[in-house]
Every structure is written in structure tokens, then in C-alpha cells.
Amino acid sequence: MTKKQNTYITFGFDHIHVIDGVLFDRNSVAVIENVTPAEGREKAFQLFGPKFCFEYPEKHFPFDSLEKFYPRGLIKIKWRNCLTFQFNYVIIHT
């Protein structure tokens, strides 16, 4: 079984998204569960289009700057393997 990794997505000043009532903006970080960094990037584009700032594989995310630059913290997005839902992800508030 392949170990799941996370991709961390940050947003710029004009990158504002509301998905399923959840706000993603420059004060938060989207956390996408995936298997490879390429898969995480693909999922980021599916959710946010080209309107995000940076993507980081888990091992490169600057956790030491989380509280200073992202006061709303992490918002986890877990993907489902199901085609019957309108959206194939679940947003988990942290």
C-alpha cells in the first residue's frame, strides 16, 4: 500500500475561493491528501484553477511560519474515490 502524502497550497491577496461554504484565502492553507506531488498539483488545479500562489510537498512546507503568515491555519481536503457525488472531496475544518 502506498503511503499518503500531503500537498500544501497557499493563496495570494486576490486568490479568494469559497468552496462548499469554506473560505480559502491568503490567511489559510489548503491541505490536499494525495500519493505524489504531481497528483496534489493536479487536484489543486481541479479545485482552484490557476488562482493559488504556491504548492509545497509535505517535506518542503514552511511549518515554522504557519501561525505568522496563515492565521486561519490548515484546511484539510480529503478526496473520495466515488463518481456518484457532485464533488469527490470532503473539506475537514481544523
N, C-alpha and C. Protein backbone atom coordinates (compact mmCIF):
# COMPACT_ATOMS: atom_id res chain seq x y z
N MET A 1 0.83 -1.17 0.00
CA MET A 1 0.00 0.00 0.00
C MET A 1 0.89 1.25 0.00
N THR A 2 0.54 2.23 -0.82
CA THR A 2 1.31 3.45 -0.95
C THR A 2 0.94 4.43 0.16
N LYS A 3 1.95 5.03 0.77
CA LYS A 3 1.73 5.99 1.85
C LYS A 3 1.16 7.29 1.29
N LYS A 4 0.13 7.80 1.94
CA LYS A 4 -0.46 9.08 1.55
C LYS A 4 0.45 10.22 2.00
N GLN A 5 0.54 11.24 1.18
CA GLN A 5 1.30 12.44 1.48
C GLN A 5 0.34 13.62 1.42
N ASN A 6 0.80 14.77 1.80
CA ASN A 6 0.00 15.98 1.69
C ASN A 6 0.70 16.98 0.79
N THR A 7 -0.12 17.74 0.07
CA THR A 7 0.35 18.89 -0.67
C THR A 7 -0.28 20.11 -0.01
N TYR A 8 0.52 21.13 0.25
CA TYR A 8 0.07 22.35 0.92
C TYR A 8 -0.04 23.46 -0.11
N ILE A 9 -1.21 24.10 -0.18
CA ILE A 9 -1.50 25.13 -1.17
C ILE A 9 -1.71 26.45 -0.45
N THR A 10 -0.97 27.48 -0.86
CA THR A 10 -1.15 28.81 -0.31
C THR A 10 -1.76 29.72 -1.38
N PHE A 11 -2.27 30.86 -0.93
CA PHE A 11 -3.01 31.76 -1.81
C PHE A 11 -2.46 33.17 -1.71
N GLY A 12 -2.58 33.94 -2.80
CA GLY A 12 -2.16 35.33 -2.82
C GLY A 12 -3.29 36.25 -2.38
N PHE A 13 -3.03 37.55 -2.40
CA PHE A 13 -4.00 38.55 -1.93
C PHE A 13 -5.32 38.49 -2.70
N ASP A 14 -5.27 38.26 -3.99
CA ASP A 14 -6.51 38.25 -4.77
C ASP A 14 -6.99 36.84 -5.11
N HIS A 15 -6.46 35.84 -4.43
CA HIS A 15 -6.88 34.45 -4.63
C HIS A 15 -7.86 34.08 -3.53
N ILE A 16 -9.15 34.30 -3.78
CA ILE A 16 -10.18 34.03 -2.79
C ILE A 16 -11.15 33.02 -3.38
N HIS A 17 -11.35 31.93 -2.65
CA HIS A 17 -12.26 30.87 -3.08
C HIS A 17 -13.19 30.51 -1.94
N VAL A 18 -14.45 30.30 -2.26
CA VAL A 18 -15.40 29.74 -1.30
C VAL A 18 -15.92 28.46 -1.92
N ILE A 19 -15.60 27.35 -1.27
CA ILE A 19 -15.99 26.03 -1.77
C ILE A 19 -16.78 25.33 -0.68
N ASP A 20 -17.99 24.93 -1.00
CA ASP A 20 -18.88 24.30 -0.02
C ASP A 20 -18.98 25.14 1.26
N GLY A 21 -19.01 26.46 1.11
CA GLY A 21 -19.14 27.36 2.25
C GLY A 21 -17.86 27.59 3.03
N VAL A 22 -16.74 27.07 2.57
CA VAL A 22 -15.46 27.21 3.26
C VAL A 22 -14.60 28.21 2.49
N LEU A 23 -14.06 29.19 3.21
CA LEU A 23 -13.23 30.24 2.62
C LEU A 23 -11.77 29.81 2.58
N PHE A 24 -11.20 29.90 1.39
CA PHE A 24 -9.76 29.69 1.20
C PHE A 24 -9.20 31.03 0.73
N ASP A 25 -8.24 31.58 1.47
CA ASP A 25 -7.65 32.86 1.10
C ASP A 25 -6.21 32.93 1.60
N ARG A 26 -5.62 34.12 1.53
CA ARG A 26 -4.21 34.28 1.90
C ARG A 26 -3.91 33.98 3.36
N ASN A 27 -4.95 33.89 4.19
CA ASN A 27 -4.77 33.61 5.62
C ASN A 27 -4.92 32.14 5.97
N SER A 28 -5.07 31.30 4.96
CA SER A 28 -5.26 29.87 5.21
C SER A 28 -4.41 29.06 4.25
N VAL A 29 -4.28 27.78 4.56
CA VAL A 29 -3.53 26.84 3.72
C VAL A 29 -4.43 25.64 3.45
N ALA A 30 -4.60 25.31 2.19
CA ALA A 30 -5.34 24.10 1.83
C ALA A 30 -4.38 22.92 1.89
N VAL A 31 -4.83 21.84 2.51
CA VAL A 31 -4.02 20.63 2.62
C VAL A 31 -4.72 19.54 1.82
N ILE A 32 -4.08 19.08 0.76
CA ILE A 32 -4.67 18.08 -0.12
C ILE A 32 -3.95 16.75 0.09
N GLU A 33 -4.72 15.74 0.47
CA GLU A 33 -4.14 14.40 0.63
C GLU A 33 -3.97 13.79 -0.75
N ASN A 34 -2.79 13.24 -1.00
CA ASN A 34 -2.50 12.64 -2.30
C ASN A 34 -1.41 11.58 -2.14
N VAL A 35 -1.04 10.98 -3.24
CA VAL A 35 0.01 9.96 -3.22
C VAL A 35 1.33 10.54 -3.71
N THR A 36 1.28 11.40 -4.73
CA THR A 36 2.50 12.01 -5.28
C THR A 36 2.32 13.52 -5.35
N PRO A 37 3.41 14.28 -5.37
CA PRO A 37 3.28 15.73 -5.55
C PRO A 37 2.55 16.10 -6.85
N ALA A 38 2.78 15.35 -7.91
CA ALA A 38 2.09 15.63 -9.19
C ALA A 38 0.58 15.47 -9.04
N GLU A 39 0.14 14.47 -8.29
CA GLU A 39 -1.28 14.26 -8.03
C GLU A 39 -1.85 15.43 -7.21
N GLY A 40 -1.09 15.89 -6.23
CA GLY A 40 -1.52 17.03 -5.42
C GLY A 40 -1.68 18.28 -6.26
N ARG A 41 -0.76 18.51 -7.18
CA ARG A 41 -0.83 19.67 -8.07
C ARG A 41 -2.06 19.58 -8.97
N GLU A 42 -2.32 18.41 -9.51
CA GLU A 42 -3.48 18.20 -10.37
C GLU A 42 -4.78 18.49 -9.60
N LYS A 43 -4.87 18.01 -8.38
CA LYS A 43 -6.07 18.24 -7.56
C LYS A 43 -6.22 19.72 -7.22
N ALA A 44 -5.11 20.42 -6.98
CA ALA A 44 -5.17 21.86 -6.69
C ALA A 44 -5.77 22.61 -7.88
N PHE A 45 -5.35 22.25 -9.08
CA PHE A 45 -5.91 22.91 -10.27
C PHE A 45 -7.38 22.55 -10.46
N GLN A 46 -7.77 21.33 -10.11
CA GLN A 46 -9.19 20.95 -10.20
C GLN A 46 -10.05 21.81 -9.28
N LEU A 47 -9.55 22.08 -8.08
CA LEU A 47 -10.31 22.86 -7.10
C LEU A 47 -10.22 24.36 -7.31
N PHE A 48 -9.03 24.87 -7.56
CA PHE A 48 -8.80 26.31 -7.52
C PHE A 48 -8.47 26.92 -8.88
N GLY A 49 -8.38 26.10 -9.93
CA GLY A 49 -7.93 26.63 -11.21
C GLY A 49 -6.52 27.16 -11.05
N PRO A 50 -6.15 28.20 -11.81
CA PRO A 50 -4.79 28.73 -11.68
C PRO A 50 -4.66 29.77 -10.57
N LYS A 51 -5.70 29.96 -9.75
CA LYS A 51 -5.68 31.02 -8.74
C LYS A 51 -5.24 30.50 -7.37
N PHE A 52 -3.97 30.18 -7.26
CA PHE A 52 -3.33 29.92 -5.97
C PHE A 52 -1.89 30.38 -6.11
N CYS A 53 -1.21 30.50 -5.00
CA CYS A 53 0.12 31.09 -5.02
C CYS A 53 1.21 30.02 -5.15
N PHE A 54 1.36 29.19 -4.11
CA PHE A 54 2.41 28.17 -4.12
C PHE A 54 1.83 26.83 -3.71
N GLU A 55 2.51 25.80 -4.16
CA GLU A 55 2.20 24.44 -3.71
C GLU A 55 3.50 23.86 -3.14
N TYR A 56 3.35 23.16 -2.05
CA TYR A 56 4.50 22.57 -1.38
C TYR A 56 4.24 21.10 -1.11
N PRO A 57 5.17 20.21 -1.45
CA PRO A 57 5.07 18.86 -0.93
C PRO A 57 5.27 18.93 0.58
N GLU A 58 4.76 17.97 1.28
CA GLU A 58 4.80 18.00 2.75
C GLU A 58 6.20 18.27 3.31
N LYS A 59 7.21 17.65 2.72
CA LYS A 59 8.56 17.79 3.28
C LYS A 59 9.16 19.18 3.08
N HIS A 60 8.54 20.03 2.23
CA HIS A 60 9.08 21.36 1.97
C HIS A 60 8.20 22.50 2.51
N PHE A 61 7.08 22.17 3.15
CA PHE A 61 6.21 23.24 3.64
C PHE A 61 6.86 23.93 4.85
N PRO A 62 6.85 25.28 4.88
CA PRO A 62 7.48 26.01 6.00
C PRO A 62 6.57 26.06 7.23
N PHE A 63 6.48 24.96 7.96
CA PHE A 63 5.60 24.88 9.13
C PHE A 63 5.94 25.94 10.19
N ASP A 64 7.18 26.36 10.24
CA ASP A 64 7.56 27.36 11.24
C ASP A 64 6.93 28.73 11.00
N SER A 65 6.42 28.99 9.80
CA SER A 65 5.78 30.27 9.51
C SER A 65 4.26 30.18 9.49
N LEU A 66 3.71 29.04 9.86
CA LEU A 66 2.27 28.81 9.77
C LEU A 66 1.47 29.85 10.55
N GLU A 67 1.75 30.03 11.82
CA GLU A 67 0.97 30.95 12.66
C GLU A 67 1.17 32.40 12.23
N LYS A 68 2.36 32.76 11.82
CA LYS A 68 2.66 34.15 11.46
C LYS A 68 1.96 34.57 10.16
N PHE A 69 2.03 33.73 9.14
CA PHE A 69 1.52 34.12 7.82
C PHE A 69 0.15 33.54 7.49
N TYR A 70 -0.28 32.52 8.17
CA TYR A 70 -1.56 31.85 7.86
C TYR A 70 -2.38 31.71 9.14
N PRO A 71 -2.91 32.83 9.67
CA PRO A 71 -3.58 32.78 10.98
C PRO A 71 -4.85 31.92 11.01
N ARG A 72 -5.48 31.67 9.88
CA ARG A 72 -6.67 30.80 9.87
C ARG A 72 -6.28 29.33 9.82
N GLY A 73 -5.00 29.05 9.63
CA GLY A 73 -4.50 27.69 9.74
C GLY A 73 -4.72 26.82 8.53
N LEU A 74 -4.71 25.52 8.79
CA LEU A 74 -4.81 24.50 7.76
C LEU A 74 -6.27 24.09 7.54
N ILE A 75 -6.65 23.90 6.28
CA ILE A 75 -7.97 23.37 5.93
C ILE A 75 -7.71 22.10 5.13
N LYS A 76 -8.05 20.96 5.70
CA LYS A 76 -7.77 19.68 5.06
C LYS A 76 -8.84 19.33 4.04
N ILE A 77 -8.40 18.80 2.91
CA ILE A 77 -9.29 18.34 1.85
C ILE A 77 -8.97 16.88 1.60
N LYS A 78 -9.94 16.02 1.84
CA LYS A 78 -9.75 14.58 1.66
C LYS A 78 -10.58 14.15 0.44
N TRP A 79 -9.95 13.47 -0.49
CA TRP A 79 -10.62 13.06 -1.72
C TRP A 79 -11.28 11.71 -1.55
N ARG A 80 -12.43 11.56 -2.15
CA ARG A 80 -13.18 10.30 -2.16
C ARG A 80 -12.91 9.58 -3.48
N ASN A 81 -13.02 8.28 -3.47
CA ASN A 81 -12.93 7.50 -4.70
C ASN A 81 -14.34 7.12 -5.12
N CYS A 82 -15.10 8.12 -5.52
CA CYS A 82 -16.50 7.88 -5.83
C CYS A 82 -16.93 8.84 -6.92
N LEU A 83 -17.63 8.35 -7.91
CA LEU A 83 -18.08 9.20 -9.01
C LEU A 83 -19.54 9.62 -8.86
N THR A 84 -20.24 9.16 -7.81
CA THR A 84 -21.66 9.44 -7.68
C THR A 84 -21.93 10.77 -6.98
N PHE A 85 -20.92 11.38 -6.38
CA PHE A 85 -21.09 12.66 -5.71
C PHE A 85 -20.77 13.78 -6.69
N GLN A 86 -21.37 14.95 -6.48
CA GLN A 86 -21.05 16.09 -7.32
C GLN A 86 -19.57 16.47 -7.14
N PHE A 87 -19.10 16.40 -5.91
CA PHE A 87 -17.70 16.70 -5.62
C PHE A 87 -17.06 15.45 -5.05
N ASN A 88 -15.86 15.15 -5.47
CA ASN A 88 -15.16 13.96 -4.99
C ASN A 88 -14.18 14.29 -3.87
N TYR A 89 -14.55 15.23 -3.01
CA TYR A 89 -13.71 15.57 -1.90
C TYR A 89 -14.58 15.95 -0.70
N VAL A 90 -13.97 15.94 0.46
CA VAL A 90 -14.61 16.37 1.70
C VAL A 90 -13.69 17.37 2.36
N ILE A 91 -14.21 18.53 2.75
CA ILE A 91 -13.41 19.53 3.42
C ILE A 91 -13.55 19.33 4.92
N ILE A 92 -12.42 19.22 5.59
CA ILE A 92 -12.40 18.98 7.04
C ILE A 92 -11.84 20.23 7.70
N HIS A 93 -12.63 20.89 8.51
CA HIS A 93 -12.16 22.09 9.22
C HIS A 93 -11.24 21.69 10.35
N THR A 94 -10.11 22.38 10.47
CA THR A 94 -9.19 22.09 11.57
C THR A 94 -9.08 23.27 12.49
